[in-house]
Amino acid sequence: MQVPTRRADKLPRQKSDPHITPEKFQELSRELQKLKEVKRPREAAEVKRLAEMGDFSENAGYQMAKSRLRGINRRIDEIEDLLKRAEIIAPQKDASQVELGHLVTLEINGREKKFRLLGSAETDPQNGIISHNSPLGAALLGKKIGTSFQLDLNSRTIEYKIISLE
């Protein structure tokens, strides 16, 4: 007998970036609690109710409920894994070089722009939050105030200068 595989099972799983802020850690903890205490029991009860209707092969509601329950269980596993591996970002206040968690003020082509350097799970480039894995984030790590550097992005070379750290 051949064991069926689902599309999601065929996709390669990447380990998520363990670097998160204390706020993100709390947010994930609350989400995990809600999934375990509210959503999973409700969905499990729905699966049980639909299973009592019999014939599983043609019970679309049952199949959909099972799928939702699998999704909830997968998300619980992901959050538990991330929280277990989490490295809380706590930058030093008086650091002289760029670290995770710092708010970096850069001069880019004569204009100042601020970026907060965080882990991949919390990036929001539109609001100035970039990952330490991004090209700019990786180039910033370890650099000191006053340092100038160039970065090739989209076949253009851009000049950056670090103005300040917070």
N, C-alpha and C. Protein backbone atom coordinates (compact mmCIF):
# COMPACT_ATOMS: atom_id res chain seq x y z
N MET A 1 0.84 -1.17 0.00
CA MET A 1 0.00 0.00 0.00
C MET A 1 0.88 1.24 0.00
N GLN A 2 0.58 2.18 -0.87
CA GLN A 2 1.35 3.41 -0.97
C GLN A 2 0.79 4.46 -0.01
N VAL A 3 1.69 5.12 0.72
CA VAL A 3 1.27 6.15 1.66
C VAL A 3 1.15 7.47 0.90
N PRO A 4 0.00 8.12 0.98
CA PRO A 4 -0.17 9.38 0.25
C PRO A 4 0.67 10.49 0.88
N THR A 5 1.20 11.37 0.03
CA THR A 5 1.93 12.54 0.53
C THR A 5 1.19 13.79 0.09
N ARG A 6 1.22 14.77 0.94
CA ARG A 6 0.56 16.03 0.63
C ARG A 6 1.58 16.99 0.03
N ARG A 7 1.07 17.97 -0.72
CA ARG A 7 1.95 18.95 -1.34
C ARG A 7 2.90 19.59 -0.34
N ALA A 8 2.38 19.99 0.82
CA ALA A 8 3.19 20.67 1.83
C ALA A 8 4.32 19.77 2.33
N ASP A 9 4.09 18.45 2.33
CA ASP A 9 5.12 17.52 2.79
C ASP A 9 6.27 17.41 1.80
N LYS A 10 6.03 17.75 0.54
CA LYS A 10 7.07 17.64 -0.49
C LYS A 10 7.99 18.85 -0.53
N LEU A 11 7.51 19.97 0.01
CA LEU A 11 8.30 21.20 -0.05
C LEU A 11 9.42 21.17 0.98
N PRO A 12 10.59 21.68 0.61
CA PRO A 12 11.69 21.71 1.59
C PRO A 12 11.38 22.72 2.68
N ARG A 13 11.68 22.37 3.89
CA ARG A 13 11.43 23.27 5.02
C ARG A 13 12.73 23.98 5.38
N GLN A 14 12.65 25.30 5.45
CA GLN A 14 13.80 26.08 5.86
C GLN A 14 13.67 26.38 7.34
N LYS A 15 14.80 26.35 8.03
CA LYS A 15 14.80 26.76 9.42
C LYS A 15 14.67 28.27 9.45
N SER A 16 13.73 28.77 10.23
CA SER A 16 13.54 30.21 10.31
C SER A 16 14.65 30.82 11.16
N ASP A 17 14.85 32.11 10.96
CA ASP A 17 15.87 32.86 11.68
C ASP A 17 15.49 32.91 13.16
N PRO A 18 16.37 32.47 14.07
CA PRO A 18 16.01 32.44 15.50
C PRO A 18 16.11 33.80 16.19
N HIS A 19 16.64 34.83 15.54
CA HIS A 19 16.81 36.13 16.16
C HIS A 19 15.49 36.90 16.18
N ILE A 20 14.95 37.12 17.39
CA ILE A 20 13.69 37.85 17.53
C ILE A 20 13.79 38.82 18.72
N THR A 21 12.95 39.83 18.68
CA THR A 21 12.89 40.79 19.78
C THR A 21 12.05 40.21 20.92
N PRO A 22 12.19 40.76 22.12
CA PRO A 22 11.34 40.28 23.23
C PRO A 22 9.85 40.45 22.91
N GLU A 23 9.50 41.52 22.18
CA GLU A 23 8.10 41.74 21.82
C GLU A 23 7.58 40.64 20.90
N LYS A 24 8.40 40.25 19.92
CA LYS A 24 8.01 39.17 18.99
C LYS A 24 7.89 37.84 19.74
N PHE A 25 8.78 37.61 20.71
CA PHE A 25 8.73 36.39 21.52
C PHE A 25 7.39 36.33 22.25
N GLN A 26 6.98 37.45 22.86
CA GLN A 26 5.71 37.50 23.58
C GLN A 26 4.53 37.29 22.63
N GLU A 27 4.60 37.92 21.45
CA GLU A 27 3.54 37.78 20.45
C GLU A 27 3.38 36.33 20.02
N LEU A 28 4.50 35.65 19.77
CA LEU A 28 4.45 34.24 19.38
C LEU A 28 3.93 33.37 20.51
N SER A 29 4.31 33.69 21.73
CA SER A 29 3.83 32.92 22.89
C SER A 29 2.32 33.04 23.02
N ARG A 30 1.79 34.25 22.83
CA ARG A 30 0.34 34.44 22.90
C ARG A 30 -0.37 33.69 21.77
N GLU A 31 0.21 33.75 20.56
CA GLU A 31 -0.38 33.03 19.42
C GLU A 31 -0.40 31.53 19.69
N LEU A 32 0.69 31.00 20.24
CA LEU A 32 0.77 29.57 20.55
C LEU A 32 -0.29 29.18 21.57
N GLN A 33 -0.45 29.99 22.60
CA GLN A 33 -1.45 29.71 23.63
C GLN A 33 -2.86 29.70 23.02
N LYS A 34 -3.15 30.68 22.17
CA LYS A 34 -4.48 30.76 21.53
C LYS A 34 -4.72 29.54 20.63
N LEU A 35 -3.69 29.15 19.88
CA LEU A 35 -3.84 27.98 19.00
C LEU A 35 -4.12 26.72 19.81
N LYS A 36 -3.38 26.53 20.91
CA LYS A 36 -3.52 25.31 21.71
C LYS A 36 -4.81 25.28 22.51
N GLU A 37 -5.20 26.44 23.07
CA GLU A 37 -6.33 26.45 24.00
C GLU A 37 -7.67 26.75 23.34
N VAL A 38 -7.66 27.42 22.18
CA VAL A 38 -8.92 27.81 21.56
C VAL A 38 -9.13 27.15 20.20
N LYS A 39 -8.23 27.42 19.27
CA LYS A 39 -8.45 26.99 17.89
C LYS A 39 -8.36 25.48 17.70
N ARG A 40 -7.32 24.84 18.26
CA ARG A 40 -7.18 23.39 18.05
C ARG A 40 -8.33 22.61 18.68
N PRO A 41 -8.73 22.89 19.93
CA PRO A 41 -9.87 22.14 20.48
C PRO A 41 -11.16 22.35 19.68
N ARG A 42 -11.38 23.59 19.22
CA ARG A 42 -12.59 23.87 18.44
C ARG A 42 -12.57 23.08 17.13
N GLU A 43 -11.41 23.07 16.45
CA GLU A 43 -11.31 22.36 15.17
C GLU A 43 -11.36 20.85 15.38
N ALA A 44 -10.76 20.34 16.46
CA ALA A 44 -10.82 18.91 16.75
C ALA A 44 -12.27 18.47 17.01
N ALA A 45 -13.03 19.31 17.70
CA ALA A 45 -14.44 18.99 17.95
C ALA A 45 -15.23 18.97 16.64
N GLU A 46 -14.88 19.89 15.73
CA GLU A 46 -15.55 19.93 14.42
C GLU A 46 -15.21 18.67 13.62
N VAL A 47 -13.96 18.24 13.65
CA VAL A 47 -13.56 17.01 12.94
C VAL A 47 -14.33 15.82 13.51
N LYS A 48 -14.42 15.76 14.83
CA LYS A 48 -15.14 14.65 15.47
C LYS A 48 -16.62 14.66 15.07
N ARG A 49 -17.23 15.85 15.07
CA ARG A 49 -18.65 15.97 14.70
C ARG A 49 -18.87 15.51 13.27
N LEU A 50 -17.99 15.94 12.36
CA LEU A 50 -18.14 15.57 10.94
C LEU A 50 -17.81 14.09 10.70
N ALA A 51 -16.93 13.53 11.51
CA ALA A 51 -16.57 12.11 11.37
C ALA A 51 -17.75 11.21 11.72
N GLU A 52 -18.59 11.69 12.61
CA GLU A 52 -19.75 10.90 13.02
C GLU A 52 -20.79 10.77 11.90
N MET A 53 -20.64 11.57 10.86
CA MET A 53 -21.58 11.49 9.73
C MET A 53 -21.29 10.30 8.83
N GLY A 54 -20.17 9.62 9.08
CA GLY A 54 -19.86 8.43 8.30
C GLY A 54 -19.02 8.72 7.07
N ASP A 55 -19.18 7.94 6.03
CA ASP A 55 -18.47 7.96 4.76
C ASP A 55 -17.45 9.11 4.59
N PHE A 56 -16.20 8.79 4.93
CA PHE A 56 -15.14 9.79 4.88
C PHE A 56 -14.75 10.16 3.46
N SER A 57 -14.89 9.24 2.52
CA SER A 57 -14.41 9.49 1.16
C SER A 57 -15.20 10.59 0.45
N GLU A 58 -16.45 10.77 0.79
CA GLU A 58 -17.26 11.79 0.12
C GLU A 58 -17.75 12.86 1.08
N ASN A 59 -17.08 12.99 2.20
CA ASN A 59 -17.46 13.98 3.19
C ASN A 59 -16.49 15.16 3.06
N ALA A 60 -16.83 16.13 2.20
CA ALA A 60 -15.95 17.26 1.92
C ALA A 60 -15.72 18.11 3.17
N GLY A 61 -16.74 18.27 3.97
CA GLY A 61 -16.60 19.05 5.21
C GLY A 61 -15.57 18.45 6.13
N TYR A 62 -15.60 17.11 6.23
CA TYR A 62 -14.64 16.40 7.07
C TYR A 62 -13.22 16.60 6.54
N GLN A 63 -13.05 16.46 5.22
CA GLN A 63 -11.73 16.63 4.62
C GLN A 63 -11.19 18.03 4.86
N MET A 64 -12.05 19.04 4.72
CA MET A 64 -11.62 20.42 4.94
C MET A 64 -11.29 20.67 6.41
N ALA A 65 -12.06 20.12 7.30
CA ALA A 65 -11.80 20.29 8.73
C ALA A 65 -10.48 19.63 9.12
N LYS A 66 -10.24 18.44 8.57
CA LYS A 66 -8.96 17.75 8.83
C LYS A 66 -7.79 18.59 8.31
N SER A 67 -7.97 19.20 7.15
CA SER A 67 -6.93 20.05 6.57
C SER A 67 -6.65 21.26 7.46
N ARG A 68 -7.71 21.89 7.97
CA ARG A 68 -7.53 23.04 8.87
C ARG A 68 -6.83 22.61 10.16
N LEU A 69 -7.19 21.44 10.68
CA LEU A 69 -6.56 20.93 11.90
C LEU A 69 -5.07 20.66 11.66
N ARG A 70 -4.74 20.08 10.50
CA ARG A 70 -3.33 19.86 10.15
C ARG A 70 -2.58 21.19 10.10
N GLY A 71 -3.21 22.21 9.50
CA GLY A 71 -2.58 23.53 9.41
C GLY A 71 -2.32 24.12 10.79
N ILE A 72 -3.29 23.97 11.70
CA ILE A 72 -3.12 24.47 13.06
C ILE A 72 -1.99 23.73 13.75
N ASN A 73 -1.96 22.40 13.61
CA ASN A 73 -0.89 21.61 14.23
C ASN A 73 0.48 21.96 13.67
N ARG A 74 0.54 22.21 12.36
CA ARG A 74 1.81 22.58 11.73
C ARG A 74 2.29 23.94 12.28
N ARG A 75 1.35 24.90 12.41
CA ARG A 75 1.72 26.21 12.95
C ARG A 75 2.17 26.11 14.40
N ILE A 76 1.52 25.26 15.20
CA ILE A 76 1.94 25.04 16.59
C ILE A 76 3.36 24.50 16.62
N ASP A 77 3.65 23.52 15.76
CA ASP A 77 5.01 22.95 15.71
C ASP A 77 6.03 24.01 15.32
N GLU A 78 5.70 24.86 14.33
CA GLU A 78 6.62 25.91 13.88
C GLU A 78 6.92 26.89 15.00
N ILE A 79 5.87 27.33 15.70
CA ILE A 79 6.06 28.31 16.78
C ILE A 79 6.84 27.70 17.93
N GLU A 80 6.51 26.46 18.31
CA GLU A 80 7.25 25.81 19.40
C GLU A 80 8.72 25.67 19.05
N ASP A 81 9.01 25.30 17.80
CA ASP A 81 10.40 25.17 17.36
C ASP A 81 11.12 26.52 17.41
N LEU A 82 10.46 27.57 16.92
CA LEU A 82 11.07 28.90 16.91
C LEU A 82 11.31 29.40 18.34
N LEU A 83 10.34 29.22 19.22
CA LEU A 83 10.51 29.67 20.60
C LEU A 83 11.61 28.89 21.32
N LYS A 84 11.73 27.61 20.99
CA LYS A 84 12.78 26.78 21.60
C LYS A 84 14.17 27.24 21.16
N ARG A 85 14.29 27.64 19.88
CA ARG A 85 15.58 28.05 19.34
C ARG A 85 15.82 29.56 19.41
N ALA A 86 14.85 30.31 19.94
CA ALA A 86 14.91 31.78 19.89
C ALA A 86 16.14 32.35 20.56
N GLU A 87 16.72 33.34 19.88
CA GLU A 87 17.81 34.13 20.45
C GLU A 87 17.28 35.55 20.52
N ILE A 88 17.07 36.02 21.75
CA ILE A 88 16.48 37.34 21.97
C ILE A 88 17.49 38.43 21.62
N ILE A 89 17.03 39.39 20.82
CA ILE A 89 17.88 40.50 20.39
C ILE A 89 17.91 41.54 21.51
N ALA A 90 19.10 41.80 22.03
CA ALA A 90 19.28 42.80 23.07
C ALA A 90 20.58 43.55 22.79
N PRO A 91 20.52 44.61 21.97
CA PRO A 91 21.75 45.34 21.62
C PRO A 91 22.30 46.12 22.82
N GLN A 92 23.60 46.29 22.84
CA GLN A 92 24.23 47.09 23.88
C GLN A 92 23.97 48.56 23.60
N LYS A 93 23.67 49.32 24.63
CA LYS A 93 23.32 50.72 24.47
C LYS A 93 24.51 51.57 24.00
N ASP A 94 25.69 51.28 24.51
CA ASP A 94 26.85 52.11 24.20
C ASP A 94 27.80 51.46 23.18
N ALA A 95 27.27 50.60 22.35
CA ALA A 95 28.10 49.89 21.37
C ALA A 95 28.62 50.87 20.31
N SER A 96 29.82 50.63 19.86
CA SER A 96 30.41 51.50 18.85
C SER A 96 30.29 50.91 17.45
N GLN A 97 29.79 49.69 17.37
CA GLN A 97 29.60 49.07 16.06
C GLN A 97 28.20 48.50 15.93
N VAL A 98 27.76 48.34 14.70
CA VAL A 98 26.39 47.91 14.41
C VAL A 98 26.18 46.46 14.85
N GLU A 99 25.08 46.26 15.62
CA GLU A 99 24.67 44.93 16.07
C GLU A 99 23.18 44.76 15.78
N LEU A 100 22.70 43.54 15.93
CA LEU A 100 21.27 43.28 15.79
C LEU A 100 20.50 44.12 16.81
N GLY A 101 19.41 44.72 16.38
CA GLY A 101 18.58 45.52 17.26
C GLY A 101 18.85 47.01 17.19
N HIS A 102 19.98 47.40 16.63
CA HIS A 102 20.32 48.83 16.56
C HIS A 102 19.47 49.56 15.52
N LEU A 103 19.22 50.82 15.81
CA LEU A 103 18.63 51.74 14.84
C LEU A 103 19.80 52.51 14.25
N VAL A 104 20.04 52.28 12.97
CA VAL A 104 21.20 52.85 12.30
C VAL A 104 20.75 53.99 11.40
N THR A 105 21.39 55.16 11.56
CA THR A 105 21.11 56.28 10.68
C THR A 105 22.20 56.30 9.62
N LEU A 106 21.77 56.21 8.36
CA LEU A 106 22.71 56.18 7.23
C LEU A 106 22.54 57.42 6.36
N GLU A 107 23.63 57.81 5.74
CA GLU A 107 23.56 58.83 4.70
C GLU A 107 23.66 58.10 3.38
N ILE A 108 22.62 58.26 2.55
CA ILE A 108 22.57 57.58 1.26
C ILE A 108 22.38 58.65 0.20
N ASN A 109 23.39 58.83 -0.62
CA ASN A 109 23.34 59.85 -1.69
C ASN A 109 22.91 61.22 -1.16
N GLY A 110 23.47 61.62 -0.02
CA GLY A 110 23.19 62.94 0.54
C GLY A 110 21.96 63.03 1.41
N ARG A 111 21.17 61.97 1.50
CA ARG A 111 19.96 61.98 2.34
C ARG A 111 20.13 61.02 3.51
N GLU A 112 19.54 61.37 4.64
CA GLU A 112 19.60 60.49 5.80
C GLU A 112 18.39 59.57 5.84
N LYS A 113 18.65 58.33 6.22
CA LYS A 113 17.58 57.35 6.34
C LYS A 113 17.92 56.44 7.52
N LYS A 114 16.88 56.04 8.28
CA LYS A 114 17.08 55.17 9.45
C LYS A 114 16.59 53.76 9.16
N PHE A 115 17.37 52.80 9.64
CA PHE A 115 17.02 51.39 9.51
C PHE A 115 17.22 50.70 10.85
N ARG A 116 16.26 49.86 11.24
CA ARG A 116 16.44 49.00 12.41
C ARG A 116 16.84 47.63 11.88
N LEU A 117 17.89 47.07 12.48
CA LEU A 117 18.44 45.79 12.04
C LEU A 117 17.92 44.69 12.96
N LEU A 118 17.04 43.82 12.42
CA LEU A 118 16.44 42.74 13.20
C LEU A 118 16.60 41.40 12.47
N GLY A 119 16.00 40.35 13.02
CA GLY A 119 16.02 39.04 12.39
C GLY A 119 15.03 38.97 11.24
N SER A 120 15.12 37.93 10.46
CA SER A 120 14.29 37.77 9.26
C SER A 120 12.80 37.69 9.56
N ALA A 121 12.43 37.25 10.74
CA ALA A 121 11.01 37.08 11.07
C ALA A 121 10.28 38.40 11.26
N GLU A 122 11.02 39.49 11.43
CA GLU A 122 10.37 40.76 11.76
C GLU A 122 10.62 41.86 10.72
N THR A 123 11.10 41.53 9.56
CA THR A 123 11.43 42.56 8.58
C THR A 123 10.20 43.28 8.06
N ASP A 124 10.38 44.55 7.79
CA ASP A 124 9.35 45.40 7.21
C ASP A 124 10.07 46.55 6.51
N PRO A 125 10.61 46.31 5.32
CA PRO A 125 11.43 47.32 4.64
C PRO A 125 10.71 48.65 4.42
N GLN A 126 9.40 48.63 4.24
CA GLN A 126 8.65 49.87 4.04
C GLN A 126 8.74 50.79 5.27
N ASN A 127 8.90 50.18 6.44
CA ASN A 127 8.99 50.95 7.68
C ASN A 127 10.40 50.99 8.24
N GLY A 128 11.40 50.66 7.42
CA GLY A 128 12.79 50.79 7.83
C GLY A 128 13.31 49.67 8.70
N ILE A 129 12.64 48.52 8.71
CA ILE A 129 13.12 47.37 9.48
C ILE A 129 13.67 46.36 8.49
N ILE A 130 14.98 46.12 8.58
CA ILE A 130 15.62 45.21 7.63
C ILE A 130 16.26 44.04 8.37
N SER A 131 16.46 42.95 7.65
CA SER A 131 17.05 41.74 8.20
C SER A 131 18.57 41.82 8.15
N HIS A 132 19.18 41.17 9.11
CA HIS A 132 20.64 41.08 9.10
C HIS A 132 21.11 40.15 7.98
N ASN A 133 20.18 39.41 7.36
CA ASN A 133 20.51 38.55 6.23
C ASN A 133 20.38 39.26 4.89
N SER A 134 19.78 40.45 4.88
CA SER A 134 19.63 41.20 3.63
C SER A 134 21.01 41.73 3.22
N PRO A 135 21.18 42.10 1.95
CA PRO A 135 22.49 42.63 1.53
C PRO A 135 22.94 43.83 2.36
N LEU A 136 22.03 44.79 2.59
CA LEU A 136 22.40 45.96 3.38
C LEU A 136 22.64 45.59 4.83
N GLY A 137 21.78 44.77 5.40
CA GLY A 137 21.93 44.35 6.79
C GLY A 137 23.24 43.62 7.03
N ALA A 138 23.58 42.70 6.12
CA ALA A 138 24.84 41.96 6.25
C ALA A 138 26.03 42.90 6.13
N ALA A 139 25.94 43.90 5.24
CA ALA A 139 27.03 44.85 5.06
C ALA A 139 27.19 45.75 6.28
N LEU A 140 26.10 46.04 6.98
CA LEU A 140 26.15 46.93 8.15
C LEU A 140 26.75 46.26 9.39
N LEU A 141 26.48 44.98 9.59
CA LEU A 141 26.93 44.30 10.81
C LEU A 141 28.42 44.47 11.05
N GLY A 142 28.74 44.93 12.25
CA GLY A 142 30.14 45.06 12.65
C GLY A 142 30.80 46.37 12.24
N LYS A 143 30.15 47.19 11.46
CA LYS A 143 30.73 48.46 11.02
C LYS A 143 30.59 49.50 12.13
N LYS A 144 31.50 50.47 12.15
CA LYS A 144 31.52 51.51 13.17
C LYS A 144 30.93 52.81 12.64
N ILE A 145 30.56 53.70 13.57
CA ILE A 145 30.04 55.02 13.21
C ILE A 145 31.09 55.76 12.39
N GLY A 146 30.66 56.41 11.33
CA GLY A 146 31.57 57.15 10.46
C GLY A 146 32.10 56.35 9.29
N THR A 147 31.86 55.05 9.29
CA THR A 147 32.35 54.18 8.21
C THR A 147 31.55 54.41 6.94
N SER A 148 32.25 54.50 5.82
CA SER A 148 31.61 54.57 4.50
C SER A 148 31.86 53.26 3.78
N PHE A 149 30.86 52.82 3.02
CA PHE A 149 31.02 51.60 2.23
C PHE A 149 30.11 51.66 1.02
N GLN A 150 30.42 50.84 0.05
CA GLN A 150 29.62 50.76 -1.18
C GLN A 150 28.96 49.39 -1.24
N LEU A 151 27.79 49.38 -1.86
CA LEU A 151 27.05 48.12 -2.00
C LEU A 151 26.48 48.08 -3.41
N ASP A 152 26.68 46.97 -4.10
CA ASP A 152 26.13 46.78 -5.44
C ASP A 152 24.76 46.15 -5.33
N LEU A 153 23.73 46.93 -5.70
CA LEU A 153 22.35 46.45 -5.67
C LEU A 153 21.71 46.71 -7.02
N ASN A 154 21.12 45.67 -7.61
CA ASN A 154 20.44 45.80 -8.90
C ASN A 154 21.32 46.49 -9.95
N SER A 155 22.53 46.03 -10.07
CA SER A 155 23.52 46.54 -11.03
C SER A 155 23.81 48.04 -10.85
N ARG A 156 23.59 48.56 -9.64
CA ARG A 156 23.97 49.93 -9.30
C ARG A 156 24.85 49.87 -8.06
N THR A 157 25.79 50.79 -7.98
CA THR A 157 26.63 50.91 -6.80
C THR A 157 26.12 52.09 -5.99
N ILE A 158 25.80 51.81 -4.72
CA ILE A 158 25.27 52.84 -3.84
C ILE A 158 26.27 53.07 -2.71
N GLU A 159 26.51 54.34 -2.40
CA GLU A 159 27.43 54.74 -1.34
C GLU A 159 26.65 54.97 -0.04
N TYR A 160 27.09 54.35 1.02
CA TYR A 160 26.46 54.48 2.34
C TYR A 160 27.49 55.01 3.33
N LYS A 161 27.03 55.79 4.30
CA LYS A 161 27.88 56.25 5.41
C LYS A 161 27.06 56.14 6.69
N ILE A 162 27.65 55.51 7.72
CA ILE A 162 26.97 55.35 8.99
C ILE A 162 27.12 56.65 9.81
N ILE A 163 25.99 57.27 10.12
CA ILE A 163 25.98 58.55 10.83
C ILE A 163 25.89 58.32 12.35
N SER A 164 24.93 57.46 12.77
CA SER A 164 24.76 57.23 14.21
C SER A 164 24.10 55.88 14.48
N LEU A 165 24.20 55.47 15.74
CA LEU A 165 23.59 54.22 16.23
C LEU A 165 22.75 54.52 17.45
N GLU A 166 21.61 53.89 17.55
CA GLU A 166 20.76 54.02 18.75
C GLU A 166 20.40 52.63 19.23
